[in-house]
N, C-alpha and C. Protein backbone atom coordinates (compact mmCIF):
# COMPACT_ATOMS: atom_id res chain seq x y z
N MET A 1 0.85 -1.17 0.00
CA MET A 1 0.00 0.00 0.00
C MET A 1 0.90 1.24 0.00
N PRO A 2 0.78 2.11 -1.01
CA PRO A 2 1.60 3.32 -1.05
C PRO A 2 1.22 4.28 0.06
N SER A 3 2.20 5.02 0.55
CA SER A 3 1.92 6.05 1.53
C SER A 3 2.74 7.27 1.19
N ARG A 4 2.34 8.40 1.71
CA ARG A 4 3.05 9.63 1.44
C ARG A 4 3.02 10.45 2.72
N SER A 5 4.20 10.83 3.19
CA SER A 5 4.26 11.66 4.37
C SER A 5 5.17 12.84 4.09
N GLY A 6 4.76 14.02 4.45
CA GLY A 6 5.57 15.21 4.18
C GLY A 6 5.76 15.41 2.70
N SER A 7 6.96 15.83 2.34
CA SER A 7 7.23 16.08 0.94
C SER A 7 8.13 15.01 0.34
N GLY A 8 8.32 13.90 1.02
CA GLY A 8 9.19 12.83 0.53
C GLY A 8 8.54 12.04 -0.59
N PRO A 9 9.30 11.11 -1.16
CA PRO A 9 8.77 10.31 -2.26
C PRO A 9 7.76 9.28 -1.77
N PRO A 10 6.91 8.79 -2.66
CA PRO A 10 5.99 7.73 -2.28
C PRO A 10 6.78 6.49 -1.89
N THR A 11 6.33 5.80 -0.87
CA THR A 11 6.96 4.56 -0.45
C THR A 11 5.92 3.47 -0.41
N ARG A 12 6.37 2.24 -0.52
CA ARG A 12 5.44 1.11 -0.48
C ARG A 12 6.06 0.05 0.41
N ARG A 13 5.38 -0.29 1.47
CA ARG A 13 5.84 -1.36 2.35
C ARG A 13 5.32 -2.67 1.79
N GLN A 14 6.23 -3.54 1.45
CA GLN A 14 5.86 -4.84 0.95
C GLN A 14 6.14 -5.85 2.06
N GLN A 15 5.77 -7.09 1.82
CA GLN A 15 5.90 -8.09 2.86
C GLN A 15 7.33 -8.22 3.37
N ARG A 16 8.31 -8.16 2.49
CA ARG A 16 9.69 -8.38 2.90
C ARG A 16 10.63 -7.24 2.52
N SER A 17 10.10 -6.13 2.07
CA SER A 17 10.98 -5.04 1.65
C SER A 17 10.28 -3.69 1.68
N LEU A 18 11.11 -2.66 1.57
CA LEU A 18 10.63 -1.29 1.44
C LEU A 18 11.00 -0.83 0.04
N ARG A 19 10.02 -0.31 -0.70
CA ARG A 19 10.24 0.15 -2.07
C ARG A 19 9.99 1.65 -2.12
N ILE A 20 10.95 2.38 -2.67
CA ILE A 20 10.83 3.83 -2.83
C ILE A 20 10.97 4.13 -4.31
N GLU A 21 10.00 4.86 -4.85
CA GLU A 21 10.02 5.19 -6.26
C GLU A 21 9.94 6.71 -6.45
N VAL A 22 10.79 7.21 -7.34
CA VAL A 22 10.80 8.63 -7.66
C VAL A 22 10.89 8.74 -9.17
N GLY A 23 10.12 9.65 -9.74
CA GLY A 23 10.19 9.81 -11.19
C GLY A 23 9.55 11.10 -11.63
N ASN A 24 9.72 11.36 -12.90
CA ASN A 24 9.05 12.51 -13.50
C ASN A 24 8.69 12.18 -14.94
N THR A 25 7.91 13.02 -15.54
CA THR A 25 7.51 12.82 -16.94
C THR A 25 7.95 13.97 -17.82
N GLU A 26 8.84 14.80 -17.30
CA GLU A 26 9.33 15.95 -18.06
C GLU A 26 10.41 15.53 -19.04
N PRO A 27 10.53 16.25 -20.15
CA PRO A 27 11.64 15.98 -21.06
C PRO A 27 12.96 16.22 -20.35
N GLY A 28 14.00 15.57 -20.80
CA GLY A 28 15.32 15.71 -20.19
C GLY A 28 15.83 17.13 -20.21
N VAL A 29 16.63 17.46 -19.24
CA VAL A 29 17.27 18.78 -19.18
C VAL A 29 18.77 18.57 -19.12
N PRO A 30 19.55 19.53 -19.57
CA PRO A 30 21.00 19.37 -19.50
C PRO A 30 21.47 19.18 -18.07
N ALA A 31 22.54 18.40 -17.91
CA ALA A 31 23.11 18.17 -16.58
C ALA A 31 23.68 19.47 -16.03
N ALA A 32 23.60 19.62 -14.72
CA ALA A 32 24.15 20.80 -14.07
C ALA A 32 25.67 20.80 -14.22
N THR A 33 26.23 21.96 -14.36
CA THR A 33 27.68 22.05 -14.47
C THR A 33 28.29 22.24 -13.10
N GLY A 34 29.55 21.96 -12.98
CA GLY A 34 30.23 22.12 -11.71
C GLY A 34 30.49 20.77 -11.07
N VAL A 35 31.16 20.79 -9.95
CA VAL A 35 31.51 19.57 -9.24
C VAL A 35 30.41 19.25 -8.24
N SER A 36 29.89 18.02 -8.30
CA SER A 36 28.81 17.64 -7.40
C SER A 36 29.34 17.10 -6.08
N GLY A 37 30.53 16.51 -6.10
CA GLY A 37 31.09 15.95 -4.87
C GLY A 37 30.55 14.58 -4.53
N GLY A 38 29.58 14.07 -5.29
CA GLY A 38 29.02 12.76 -5.01
C GLY A 38 29.26 11.81 -6.15
N ARG A 39 28.67 10.63 -6.03
CA ARG A 39 28.83 9.62 -7.06
C ARG A 39 27.51 9.25 -7.69
N GLY A 40 26.49 10.02 -7.40
CA GLY A 40 25.21 9.83 -8.06
C GLY A 40 24.61 8.45 -7.92
N LEU A 41 24.06 7.95 -9.03
CA LEU A 41 23.38 6.66 -9.02
C LEU A 41 24.32 5.51 -8.71
N ILE A 42 25.57 5.62 -9.13
CA ILE A 42 26.54 4.56 -8.82
C ILE A 42 26.71 4.43 -7.31
N GLY A 43 26.86 5.57 -6.64
CA GLY A 43 27.00 5.56 -5.19
C GLY A 43 25.77 5.02 -4.49
N LEU A 44 24.59 5.40 -4.96
CA LEU A 44 23.35 4.88 -4.36
C LEU A 44 23.25 3.38 -4.54
N ARG A 45 23.57 2.90 -5.73
CA ARG A 45 23.51 1.47 -6.01
C ARG A 45 24.47 0.70 -5.09
N GLU A 46 25.68 1.22 -4.92
CA GLU A 46 26.66 0.56 -4.05
C GLU A 46 26.20 0.55 -2.60
N ARG A 47 25.64 1.65 -2.13
CA ARG A 47 25.18 1.71 -0.74
C ARG A 47 24.02 0.74 -0.49
N LEU A 48 23.10 0.67 -1.43
CA LEU A 48 21.98 -0.26 -1.28
C LEU A 48 22.45 -1.71 -1.31
N ALA A 49 23.42 -2.01 -2.16
CA ALA A 49 23.93 -3.38 -2.28
C ALA A 49 24.53 -3.87 -0.97
N VAL A 50 25.12 -2.97 -0.19
CA VAL A 50 25.69 -3.35 1.11
C VAL A 50 24.62 -4.00 1.99
N TYR A 51 23.39 -3.56 1.87
CA TYR A 51 22.29 -4.06 2.69
C TYR A 51 21.38 -5.04 1.94
N GLY A 52 21.84 -5.51 0.79
CA GLY A 52 21.05 -6.47 0.02
C GLY A 52 19.98 -5.82 -0.82
N GLY A 53 20.04 -4.51 -0.97
CA GLY A 53 19.04 -3.79 -1.75
C GLY A 53 19.42 -3.65 -3.21
N THR A 54 18.49 -3.10 -3.98
CA THR A 54 18.72 -2.89 -5.41
C THR A 54 18.29 -1.50 -5.80
N LEU A 55 18.83 -1.03 -6.91
CA LEU A 55 18.46 0.27 -7.48
C LEU A 55 18.28 0.08 -8.97
N ARG A 56 17.14 0.52 -9.47
CA ARG A 56 16.89 0.53 -10.91
C ARG A 56 16.63 1.98 -11.30
N ALA A 57 17.24 2.40 -12.37
CA ALA A 57 17.05 3.78 -12.83
C ALA A 57 17.17 3.82 -14.35
N GLY A 58 16.38 4.68 -14.96
CA GLY A 58 16.47 4.82 -16.40
C GLY A 58 15.39 5.73 -16.95
N ALA A 59 15.53 5.98 -18.22
CA ALA A 59 14.58 6.84 -18.92
C ALA A 59 13.24 6.12 -19.06
N ARG A 60 12.17 6.90 -18.97
CA ARG A 60 10.83 6.36 -19.23
C ARG A 60 10.58 6.46 -20.73
N PRO A 61 9.74 5.58 -21.26
CA PRO A 61 9.39 5.69 -22.68
C PRO A 61 8.74 7.05 -22.95
N GLY A 62 9.18 7.72 -23.95
CA GLY A 62 8.63 9.04 -24.28
C GLY A 62 9.42 10.16 -23.65
N ALA A 63 9.30 10.33 -22.36
CA ALA A 63 10.03 11.40 -21.66
C ALA A 63 10.05 11.10 -20.18
N GLY A 64 11.02 11.64 -19.51
CA GLY A 64 11.09 11.51 -18.06
C GLY A 64 12.10 10.47 -17.61
N TYR A 65 12.14 10.27 -16.31
CA TYR A 65 13.12 9.38 -15.69
C TYR A 65 12.47 8.71 -14.49
N HIS A 66 12.91 7.51 -14.15
CA HIS A 66 12.33 6.75 -13.06
C HIS A 66 13.45 6.12 -12.24
N VAL A 67 13.36 6.21 -10.92
CA VAL A 67 14.33 5.59 -10.01
C VAL A 67 13.54 4.78 -8.99
N GLU A 68 13.96 3.55 -8.76
CA GLU A 68 13.30 2.67 -7.80
C GLU A 68 14.35 2.00 -6.93
N ALA A 69 14.22 2.15 -5.62
CA ALA A 69 15.12 1.50 -4.66
C ALA A 69 14.31 0.50 -3.84
N VAL A 70 14.86 -0.69 -3.66
CA VAL A 70 14.22 -1.72 -2.84
C VAL A 70 15.21 -2.17 -1.78
N ILE A 71 14.76 -2.14 -0.52
CA ILE A 71 15.60 -2.52 0.60
C ILE A 71 14.91 -3.61 1.40
N PRO A 72 15.56 -4.76 1.59
CA PRO A 72 14.93 -5.83 2.38
C PRO A 72 14.71 -5.39 3.83
N TRP A 73 13.61 -5.83 4.43
CA TRP A 73 13.32 -5.48 5.82
C TRP A 73 14.41 -5.98 6.75
N GLU A 74 15.01 -7.11 6.46
CA GLU A 74 16.04 -7.65 7.33
C GLU A 74 17.21 -6.68 7.46
N ALA A 75 17.42 -5.83 6.45
CA ALA A 75 18.54 -4.90 6.46
C ALA A 75 18.22 -3.61 7.19
N THR A 76 16.94 -3.33 7.43
CA THR A 76 16.56 -2.06 8.03
C THR A 76 16.43 -2.18 9.52
C-alpha cells in the first residue's frame, strides 16, 4: 500500500521489503555544471547493495526518468 508523508517520495511497504520510487515525466534537461562531490546513481547502487538492496534507474518511454530502490526489511 503506497503512503506519502511530508514532501518525501511515495513509499510502499511490501511483505519483505521497502520500495521507494521517484520519477518525473518531463523531457530531459542538460546536466548541471560544476563539481557535485558525489557519485550519483553509482554511489546509491553501491550503498543499497551493502544491505542487500537494489536500485533501478532509467529513462521512461517518451520522456522523463524513473528511479526505484528496494531494501529488504532484514537490512533495516
